[in-house]
Amino acid sequence: MPKTFYTERDIQDMFAQGITSLVVNDNVVVTDLGRERAMKLGFDLVRAADKDNPQSAPVRPYITKQPSPTGSVAKSAKKPAQPSSKADLEKRVYDAVVAKVGNSVDPRLLQTIIQRVLRSVGGG
């Protein structure tokens, strides 16, 4: 089955016609610029459920156990050092996020998000 690609212009046109969502699957692809436009417009891109990842069970890589490089957990692994202060914890989280996603996130927004999350989990 051929794939259908949606561009930034396609998303803009659909939104102008009153369409506010699109189901995306293996045969329906939205370009990167199309995704950005959808985010700006509040247009929903809904991932179609498949048998491996049903919609009711979102993928949560931060919960899923990841195998260690050797395939087993080392028994002598040390616990990470506890941060000495709130600012130290914020900096460590900030640095870890930037290392993972690069500079694609606004630094002030990221800092605000980190502070709110830490407050909500009792870390700040």
Protein backbone atom coordinates (compact mmCIF):
# COMPACT_ATOMS: atom_id res chain seq x y z
CA MET A 1 0.00 0.00 0.00
CA PRO A 2 1.47 3.42 -0.90
CA LYS A 3 2.27 5.93 1.83
CA THR A 4 0.50 9.25 2.10
CA PHE A 5 2.67 12.20 3.12
CA TYR A 6 1.30 15.36 4.71
CA THR A 7 3.34 18.56 4.64
CA GLU A 8 3.16 21.80 6.57
CA ARG A 9 0.88 23.21 3.88
CA ASP A 10 -1.43 20.18 4.02
CA ILE A 11 -1.81 20.56 7.79
CA GLN A 12 -2.50 24.29 7.41
CA ASP A 13 -5.13 23.63 4.72
CA MET A 14 -6.87 20.92 6.77
CA PHE A 15 -6.94 23.19 9.82
CA ALA A 16 -8.42 26.02 7.73
CA GLN A 17 -11.17 23.60 6.64
CA GLY A 18 -12.01 22.84 10.28
CA ILE A 19 -10.20 19.50 10.50
CA THR A 20 -8.41 19.35 13.86
CA SER A 21 -6.87 15.88 13.94
CA LEU A 22 -5.22 13.27 11.75
CA VAL A 23 -4.61 9.60 12.41
CA VAL A 24 -0.97 8.75 11.67
CA ASN A 25 0.13 5.18 11.02
CA ASP A 26 2.70 3.29 8.94
CA ASN A 27 1.01 4.46 5.73
CA VAL A 28 0.23 8.04 6.79
CA VAL A 29 3.32 10.17 7.39
CA VAL A 30 3.60 13.80 8.49
CA THR A 31 6.79 15.69 7.61
CA ASP A 32 8.81 17.37 10.35
CA LEU A 33 7.61 20.81 9.27
CA GLY A 34 4.06 19.44 9.19
CA ARG A 35 4.43 18.24 12.78
CA GLU A 36 5.75 21.63 13.86
CA ARG A 37 2.81 23.39 12.18
CA ALA A 38 0.37 20.96 13.83
CA MET A 39 1.87 21.69 17.25
CA LYS A 40 1.59 25.45 16.70
CA LEU A 41 -2.04 25.16 15.58
CA GLY A 42 -3.08 22.72 18.30
CA PHE A 43 -3.80 20.15 15.59
CA ASP A 44 -3.86 16.59 17.00
CA LEU A 45 -1.70 13.95 15.34
CA VAL A 46 -3.05 10.68 16.68
CA ARG A 47 -0.89 7.57 16.38
CA ALA A 48 -2.99 4.64 15.22
CA ALA A 49 -2.98 1.68 17.59
CA ASP A 50 -1.08 -1.40 16.53
CA LYS A 51 -0.84 -4.79 18.15
CA ASP A 52 2.60 -4.05 19.67
CA ASN A 53 1.77 -0.61 21.07
CA PRO A 54 -1.97 -0.16 21.62
CA GLN A 55 -3.09 3.42 22.32
CA SER A 56 -4.19 2.49 25.81
CA ALA A 57 -0.62 1.48 26.67
CA PRO A 58 1.71 4.34 25.83
CA VAL A 59 5.40 3.65 25.47
CA ARG A 60 7.21 4.85 28.57
CA PRO A 61 10.94 4.31 28.09
CA TYR A 62 11.67 5.89 31.47
CA ILE A 63 9.74 3.05 33.14
CA THR A 64 10.80 0.15 30.96
CA LYS A 65 13.89 -1.61 32.22
CA GLN A 66 16.76 -1.16 29.83
CA PRO A 67 19.37 -3.94 29.66
CA SER A 68 22.85 -2.98 30.76
CA PRO A 69 25.59 -3.03 28.09
CA THR A 70 26.84 -6.39 29.36
CA GLY A 71 23.34 -7.86 29.58
CA SER A 72 23.28 -8.07 33.37
CA VAL A 73 23.33 -5.66 36.26
CA ALA A 74 26.65 -5.28 38.02
CA LYS A 75 26.34 -6.12 41.72
CA SER A 76 28.94 -3.58 42.73
CA ALA A 77 27.17 -0.65 41.08
CA LYS A 78 27.28 2.43 43.27
CA LYS A 79 24.28 4.61 43.95
CA PRO A 80 24.62 8.04 42.40
CA ALA A 81 25.72 10.70 44.85
CA GLN A 82 22.88 12.69 46.36
CA PRO A 83 22.80 16.28 45.17
CA SER A 84 23.97 18.68 47.82
CA SER A 85 21.33 21.30 47.09
CA LYS A 86 18.20 22.12 45.14
CA ALA A 87 20.25 24.10 42.63
CA ASP A 88 22.63 21.17 42.17
CA LEU A 89 19.72 18.81 41.49
CA GLU A 90 18.17 21.24 39.00
CA LYS A 91 21.51 21.59 37.20
CA ARG A 92 22.03 17.83 37.01
CA VAL A 93 18.54 17.29 35.59
CA TYR A 94 18.97 20.21 33.16
CA ASP A 95 22.33 18.87 31.95
CA ALA A 96 20.91 15.37 31.51
CA VAL A 97 17.96 16.65 29.45
CA VAL A 98 20.21 18.82 27.26
CA ALA A 99 22.54 15.85 26.74
CA LYS A 100 19.56 13.79 25.59
CA VAL A 101 17.68 16.29 23.38
CA GLY A 102 20.37 18.82 22.52
CA ASN A 103 19.66 22.52 22.26
CA SER A 104 16.24 22.07 20.65
CA VAL A 105 14.47 23.21 23.84
CA ASP A 106 14.22 26.80 25.06
CA PRO A 107 16.53 26.97 28.12
CA ARG A 108 14.13 29.14 30.17
CA LEU A 109 11.19 26.86 29.40
CA LEU A 110 13.23 23.79 30.31
CA GLN A 111 14.32 25.36 33.59
CA THR A 112 10.71 26.23 34.46
CA ILE A 113 9.55 22.69 33.68
CA ILE A 114 12.31 21.16 35.80
CA GLN A 115 11.47 23.43 38.74
CA ARG A 116 7.77 22.56 38.54
CA VAL A 117 8.44 18.83 38.32
CA LEU A 118 10.85 18.90 41.23
CA ARG A 119 8.31 20.83 43.33
CA SER A 120 5.60 18.29 42.47
CA VAL A 121 7.76 15.31 43.47
CA GLY A 122 9.13 16.96 46.59
CA GLY A 123 12.62 17.61 45.26
CA GLY A 124 12.57 21.36 45.42
